[in-house]
C-alpha atoms as a PDB file:
ATOM      1  CA  UNK A   1     133.587  55.259 232.905  1.00  0.00           C
ATOM      2  CA  UNK A   2     131.904  55.895 229.563  1.00  0.00           C
ATOM      3  CA  UNK A   3     133.093  54.139 226.469  1.00  0.00           C
ATOM      4  CA  UNK A   4     134.113  55.719 223.108  1.00  0.00           C
ATOM      5  CA  UNK A   5     132.736  53.802 220.138  1.00  0.00           C
ATOM      6  CA  UNK A   6     133.849  54.459 216.572  1.00  0.00           C
ATOM      7  CA  UNK A   7     130.549  53.526 214.830  1.00  0.00           C
ATOM      8  CA  UNK A   8     131.055  54.078 211.097  1.00  0.00           C
ATOM      9  CA  UNK A   9     130.361  52.767 207.607  1.00  0.00           C
ATOM     10  CA  UNK A  10     133.170  51.568 205.430  1.00  0.00           C
ATOM     11  CA  UNK A  11     133.854  50.165 202.038  1.00  0.00           C
ATOM     12  CA  UNK A  12     135.394  46.727 201.681  1.00  0.00           C
ATOM     13  CA  UNK A  13     138.737  48.371 201.034  1.00  0.00           C
ATOM     14  CA  UNK A  14     138.623  50.440 204.239  1.00  0.00           C
ATOM     15  CA  UNK A  15     137.385  53.884 203.113  1.00  0.00           C
ATOM     16  CA  UNK A  16     134.656  55.885 204.952  1.00  0.00           C
ATOM     17  CA  UNK A  17     134.292  58.550 202.303  1.00  0.00           C
ATOM     18  CA  UNK A  18     135.434  59.377 198.716  1.00  0.00           C
ATOM     19  CA  UNK A  19     138.578  61.495 198.110  1.00  0.00           C
ATOM     20  CA  UNK A  20     136.575  64.727 198.476  1.00  0.00           C
ATOM     21  CA  UNK A  21     135.170  63.587 201.849  1.00  0.00           C
ATOM     22  CA  UNK A  22     131.619  63.891 200.451  1.00  0.00           C
ATOM     23  CA  UNK A  23     128.513  62.171 201.800  1.00  0.00           C
ATOM     24  CA  UNK A  24     128.975  58.444 200.971  1.00  0.00           C
ATOM     25  CA  UNK A  25     125.324  57.352 201.472  1.00  0.00           C
ATOM     26  CA  UNK A  26     123.514  56.259 198.343  1.00  0.00           C
ATOM     27  CA  UNK A  27     120.839  58.940 198.867  1.00  0.00           C
ATOM     28  CA  UNK A  28     123.438  61.603 197.984  1.00  0.00           C
ATOM     29  CA  UNK A  29     124.719  62.280 194.477  1.00  0.00           C
ATOM     30  CA  UNK A  30     127.724  59.932 193.993  1.00  0.00           C
ATOM     31  CA  UNK A  31     126.923  58.086 197.218  1.00  0.00           C
ATOM     32  CA  UNK A  32     127.837  54.390 197.458  1.00  0.00           C
ATOM     33  CA  UNK A  33     126.965  53.137 200.996  1.00  0.00           C
ATOM     34  CA  UNK A  34     123.617  51.347 201.235  1.00  0.00           C
ATOM     35  CA  UNK A  35     121.021  53.317 203.206  1.00  0.00           C
ATOM     36  CA  UNK A  36     118.284  50.804 202.589  1.00  0.00           C
ATOM     37  CA  UNK A  37     118.078  46.995 202.785  1.00  0.00           C
ATOM     38  CA  UNK A  38     117.514  44.444 205.494  1.00  0.00           C
ATOM     39  CA  UNK A  39     120.358  45.928 207.621  1.00  0.00           C
ATOM     40  CA  UNK A  40     118.542  49.310 207.939  1.00  0.00           C
ATOM     41  CA  UNK A  41     115.807  48.578 210.392  1.00  0.00           C
ATOM     42  CA  UNK A  42     117.957  46.606 212.884  1.00  0.00           C
ATOM     43  CA  UNK A  43     120.503  49.386 212.940  1.00  0.00           C
ATOM     44  CA  UNK A  44     117.776  52.027 213.277  1.00  0.00           C
ATOM     45  CA  UNK A  45     116.356  50.154 216.247  1.00  0.00           C
ATOM     46  CA  UNK A  46     119.669  49.548 217.896  1.00  0.00           C
ATOM     47  CA  UNK A  47     121.135  53.002 217.350  1.00  0.00           C
ATOM     48  CA  UNK A  48     118.310  55.446 216.777  1.00  0.00           C
ATOM     49  CA  UNK A  49     120.374  58.409 217.955  1.00  0.00           C
ATOM     50  CA  UNK A  50     122.824  57.941 215.146  1.00  0.00           C
ATOM     51  CA  UNK A  51     120.173  58.888 212.561  1.00  0.00           C
ATOM     52  CA  UNK A  52     120.505  62.609 211.564  1.00  0.00           C
ATOM     53  CA  UNK A  53     117.735  64.786 212.963  1.00  0.00           C
ATOM     54  CA  UNK A  54     116.214  65.659 209.536  1.00  0.00           C
ATOM     55  CA  UNK A  55     116.069  61.959 208.647  1.00  0.00           C
ATOM     56  CA  UNK A  56     114.513  61.134 211.945  1.00  0.00           C
ATOM     57  CA  UNK A  57     111.800  63.603 211.229  1.00  0.00           C
ATOM     58  CA  UNK A  58     111.171  62.257 207.698  1.00  0.00           C
ATOM     59  CA  UNK A  59     110.987  58.742 208.985  1.00  0.00           C
ATOM     60  CA  UNK A  60     108.920  59.541 212.078  1.00  0.00           C
ATOM     61  CA  UNK A  61     111.567  58.098 214.388  1.00  0.00           C
ATOM     62  CA  UNK A  62     110.877  59.195 217.970  1.00  0.00           C
ATOM     63  CA  UNK A  63     112.905  56.573 219.851  1.00  0.00           C
ATOM     64  CA  UNK A  64     114.918  57.610 222.914  1.00  0.00           C
ATOM     65  CA  UNK A  65     118.729  57.453 222.847  1.00  0.00           C
ATOM     66  CA  UNK A  66     119.790  53.799 223.515  1.00  0.00           C
ATOM     67  CA  UNK A  67     123.598  53.789 223.381  1.00  0.00           C
ATOM     68  CA  UNK A  68     124.987  57.284 223.041  1.00  0.00           C
ATOM     69  CA  UNK A  69     124.317  60.765 224.439  1.00  0.00           C
ATOM     70  CA  UNK A  70     127.400  62.483 222.930  1.00  0.00           C
ATOM     71  CA  UNK A  71     128.800  62.572 219.379  1.00  0.00           C
ATOM     72  CA  UNK A  72     132.303  63.587 218.228  1.00  0.00           C
ATOM     73  CA  UNK A  73     133.249  64.561 214.671  1.00  0.00           C
ATOM     74  CA  UNK A  74     135.916  66.311 212.757  1.00  0.00           C
ATOM     75  CA  UNK A  75     135.271  69.672 211.070  1.00  0.00           C
ATOM     76  CA  UNK A  76     134.925  68.190 207.548  1.00  0.00           C
ATOM     77  CA  UNK A  77     132.334  65.632 208.779  1.00  0.00           C
ATOM     78  CA  UNK A  78     130.327  68.407 210.483  1.00  0.00           C
ATOM     79  CA  UNK A  79     130.542  70.554 207.342  1.00  0.00           C
ATOM     80  CA  UNK A  80     128.689  67.881 205.334  1.00  0.00           C
ATOM     81  CA  UNK A  81     125.574  68.568 207.378  1.00  0.00           C
ATOM     82  CA  UNK A  82     126.123  72.287 207.632  1.00  0.00           C
ATOM     83  CA  UNK A  83     126.390  72.630 203.886  1.00  0.00           C
ATOM     84  CA  UNK A  84     123.034  70.976 203.566  1.00  0.00           C
ATOM     85  CA  UNK A  85     121.431  73.426 205.995  1.00  0.00           C
ATOM     86  CA  UNK A  86     121.850  71.192 209.008  1.00  0.00           C
ATOM     87  CA  UNK A  87     124.338  72.804 211.370  1.00  0.00           C
ATOM     88  CA  UNK A  88     123.275  70.478 214.242  1.00  0.00           C
ATOM     89  CA  UNK A  89     123.008  67.095 212.591  1.00  0.00           C
ATOM     90  CA  UNK A  90     122.337  65.125 215.755  1.00  0.00           C
ATOM     91  CA  UNK A  91     120.110  67.374 217.924  1.00  0.00           C
ATOM     92  CA  UNK A  92     119.399  64.585 220.451  1.00  0.00           C
ATOM     93  CA  UNK A  93     123.147  64.300 221.265  1.00  0.00           C
ATOM     94  CA  UNK A  94     125.698  66.701 222.706  1.00  0.00           C
ATOM     95  CA  UNK A  95     127.906  67.433 219.645  1.00  0.00           C
ATOM     96  CA  UNK A  96     131.575  68.254 219.789  1.00  0.00           C
ATOM     97  CA  UNK A  97     133.407  69.200 216.549  1.00  0.00           C
ATOM     98  CA  UNK A  98     137.231  68.991 216.558  1.00  0.00           C
ATOM     99  CA  UNK A  99     138.903  71.625 214.504  1.00  0.00           C
ATOM    100  CA  UNK A 100     142.263  73.472 214.694  1.00  0.00           C
ATOM    101  CA  UNK A 101     140.473  76.605 213.699  1.00  0.00           C
ATOM    102  CA  UNK A 102     138.196  77.950 216.469  1.00  0.00           C
ATOM    103  CA  UNK A 103     134.621  78.296 215.304  1.00  0.00           C
ATOM    104  CA  UNK A 104     131.345  79.365 216.942  1.00  0.00           C
ATOM    105  CA  UNK A 105     128.237  77.499 215.870  1.00  0.00           C
ATOM    106  CA  UNK A 106     125.929  76.804 218.889  1.00  0.00           C
ATOM    107  CA  UNK A 107     124.518  74.409 219.942  1.00  0.00           C
ATOM    108  CA  UNK A 108     127.477  72.466 218.519  1.00  0.00           C
ATOM    109  CA  UNK A 109     130.633  72.904 220.665  1.00  0.00           C
ATOM    110  CA  UNK A 110     133.917  73.339 218.801  1.00  0.00           C
ATOM    111  CA  UNK A 111     137.095  72.009 220.403  1.00  0.00           C
ATOM    112  CA  UNK A 112     140.455  73.325 219.251  1.00  0.00           C
ATOM    113  CA  UNK A 113     142.455  71.749 222.092  1.00  0.00           C
ATOM    114  CA  UNK A 114     143.901  68.201 222.344  1.00  0.00           C
ATOM    115  CA  UNK A 115     141.179  65.719 221.226  1.00  0.00           C
ATOM    116  CA  UNK A 116     142.549  62.921 223.362  1.00  0.00           C
ATOM    117  CA  UNK A 117     142.448  65.027 226.573  1.00  0.00           C
ATOM    118  CA  UNK A 118     138.889  66.182 225.710  1.00  0.00           C
ATOM    119  CA  UNK A 119     137.736  62.562 225.307  1.00  0.00           C
ATOM    120  CA  UNK A 120     139.345  61.563 228.590  1.00  0.00           C
ATOM    121  CA  UNK A 121     137.417  64.397 230.189  1.00  0.00           C
ATOM    122  CA  UNK A 122     134.152  63.291 228.604  1.00  0.00           C
ATOM    123  CA  UNK A 123     134.661  59.691 229.632  1.00  0.00           C
ATOM    124  CA  UNK A 124     134.760  60.746 233.300  1.00  0.00           C
ATOM    125  CA  UNK A 125     131.246  62.162 233.069  1.00  0.00           C
ATOM    126  CA  UNK A 126     128.180  60.046 233.838  1.00  0.00           C
ATOM    127  CA  UNK A 127     125.695  59.112 231.040  1.00  0.00           C
ATOM    128  CA  UNK A 128     125.414  56.974 227.968  1.00  0.00           C
ATOM    129  CA  UNK A 129     128.350  56.210 225.612  1.00  0.00           C
ATOM    130  CA  UNK A 130     130.278  58.527 223.328  1.00  0.00           C
ATOM    131  CA  UNK A 131     130.008  58.065 219.562  1.00  0.00           C
ATOM    132  CA  UNK A 132     132.819  58.926 217.136  1.00  0.00           C
ATOM    133  CA  UNK A 133     131.085  59.407 213.859  1.00  0.00           C
ATOM    134  CA  UNK A 134     134.048  60.602 211.743  1.00  0.00           C
ATOM    135  CA  UNK A 135     136.277  61.351 210.314  1.00  0.00           C
ATOM    136  CA  UNK A 136     139.213  59.135 209.650  1.00  0.00           C
ATOM    137  CA  UNK A 137     141.883  61.644 210.746  1.00  0.00           C
ATOM    138  CA  UNK A 138     140.108  62.196 214.050  1.00  0.00           C
ATOM    139  CA  UNK A 139     139.734  58.441 214.499  1.00  0.00           C
ATOM    140  CA  UNK A 140     143.514  57.954 214.031  1.00  0.00           C
ATOM    141  CA  UNK A 141     144.196  60.698 216.631  1.00  0.00           C
ATOM    142  CA  UNK A 142     141.683  59.202 219.113  1.00  0.00           C
ATOM    143  CA  UNK A 143     142.879  55.611 218.694  1.00  0.00           C
ATOM    144  CA  UNK A 144     144.215  55.402 222.249  1.00  0.00           C
ATOM    145  CA  UNK A 145     140.763  56.230 223.625  1.00  0.00           C
ATOM    146  CA  UNK A 146     138.585  54.085 221.263  1.00  0.00           C
ATOM    147  CA  UNK A 147     137.058  51.246 223.303  1.00  0.00           C
ATOM    148  CA  UNK A 148     134.855  49.675 220.657  1.00  0.00           C
ATOM    149  CA  UNK A 149     134.836  49.734 216.863  1.00  0.00           C
ATOM    150  CA  UNK A 150     131.561  48.985 215.108  1.00  0.00           C
ATOM    151  CA  UNK A 151     132.047  48.939 211.282  1.00  0.00           C
ATOM    152  CA  UNK A 152     129.174  48.633 208.802  1.00  0.00           C
ATOM    153  CA  UNK A 153     131.090  47.130 205.916  1.00  0.00           C
ATOM    154  CA  UNK A 154     129.354  47.860 202.647  1.00  0.00           C
ATOM    155  CA  UNK A 155     129.713  45.545 199.657  1.00  0.00           C
ATOM    156  CA  UNK A 156     131.545  48.087 197.532  1.00  0.00           C
ATOM    157  CA  UNK A 157     135.244  48.812 196.611  1.00  0.00           C
ATOM    158  CA  UNK A 158     136.094  52.489 195.875  1.00  0.00           C
ATOM    159  CA  UNK A 159     139.898  52.418 195.508  1.00  0.00           C
ATOM    160  CA  UNK A 160     140.704  55.774 197.167  1.00  0.00           C
ATOM    161  CA  UNK A 161     139.265  58.128 199.713  1.00  0.00           C
ATOM    162  CA  UNK A 162     139.260  58.888 203.425  1.00  0.00           C
ATOM    163  CA  UNK A 163     140.650  55.880 205.241  1.00  0.00           C
ATOM    164  CA  UNK A 164     138.889  54.321 208.271  1.00  0.00           C
ATOM    165  CA  UNK A 165     141.966  55.418 210.216  1.00  0.00           C
ATOM    166  CA  UNK A 166     143.486  58.182 208.106  1.00  0.00           C
ATOM    167  CA  UNK A 167     147.126  58.277 209.067  1.00  0.00           C
ATOM    168  CA  UNK A 168     150.504  57.799 207.325  1.00  0.00           C
ATOM    169  CA  UNK A 169     151.888  56.096 210.441  1.00  0.00           C
ATOM    170  CA  UNK A 170     152.552  52.387 210.245  1.00  0.00           C
ATOM    171  CA  UNK A 171     151.212  50.813 213.417  1.00  0.00           C
ATOM    172  CA  UNK A 172     149.827  47.278 214.109  1.00  0.00           C
ATOM    173  CA  UNK A 173     146.871  47.512 216.455  1.00  0.00           C
ATOM    174  CA  UNK A 174     145.174  44.223 217.272  1.00  0.00           C
ATOM    175  CA  UNK A 175     141.467  43.886 217.923  1.00  0.00           C
ATOM    176  CA  UNK A 176     139.257  41.128 219.097  1.00  0.00           C
ATOM    177  CA  UNK A 177     136.038  40.318 217.176  1.00  0.00           C
ATOM    178  CA  UNK A 178     133.218  40.768 219.711  1.00  0.00           C
ATOM    179  CA  UNK A 179     130.237  40.347 217.387  1.00  0.00           C
ATOM    180  CA  UNK A 180     129.186  40.129 213.778  1.00  0.00           C
ATOM    181  CA  UNK A 181     126.038  40.056 211.620  1.00  0.00           C
ATOM    182  CA  UNK A 182     125.898  39.671 207.822  1.00  0.00           C
ATOM    183  CA  UNK A 183     122.781  40.818 206.084  1.00  0.00           C
ATOM    184  CA  UNK A 184     121.266  39.821 202.786  1.00  0.00           C
ATOM    185  CA  UNK A 185     121.922  43.313 201.528  1.00  0.00           C
ATOM    186  CA  UNK A 186     125.595  42.460 201.682  1.00  0.00           C
ATOM    187  CA  UNK A 187     126.284  44.736 204.628  1.00  0.00           C
ATOM    188  CA  UNK A 188     128.325  43.103 207.391  1.00  0.00           C
ATOM    189  CA  UNK A 189     128.215  44.757 210.851  1.00  0.00           C
ATOM    190  CA  UNK A 190     131.433  43.850 212.692  1.00  0.00           C
ATOM    191  CA  UNK A 191     132.065  44.787 216.293  1.00  0.00           C
ATOM    192  CA  UNK A 192     135.628  44.754 217.682  1.00  0.00           C
ATOM    193  CA  UNK A 193     137.233  45.554 221.037  1.00  0.00           C
ATOM    194  CA  UNK A 194     140.893  46.165 221.768  1.00  0.00           C
ATOM    195  CA  UNK A 195     142.815  43.129 222.944  1.00  0.00           C
END
């Protein structure tokens, strides 16, 4: 059975985006997550398929998928790329966008049915892992199906925004630290699994 991994960048105070849901990378106006530093190359090498297609082209990255062959995202996360003229942000992955409003934007597949049921269906297929890239609301919905959480914690506090798991429900969910690496850039990559 394939695993679902929530592989995401976060601020120290647990936010994956600003209150508007905008692009948090420091290459965008108002961005605050570090896109360069000694953490960049190891992450590019380990997870080349998580680099957006336009960035792969600019950097000359031609590596095969190593960990994932499928990516899941919420509609707002997908719209970040679309609004920049990139309607298929990860062309080397099968992309599923979850939205309560049906939408047609091939080659990306829109899903307006139950996200948990769709993920359970995808997990039964053969292939590489499934990457949940955002957003926080979808992550909260998919919590029962998340097998691994890999958080790139950036050395920044933003005070408000889209939470790592964006939900108003109080629920204690325990995880086990399965790996960690702290870089000179201040980025800490923490890997957790459910207990």
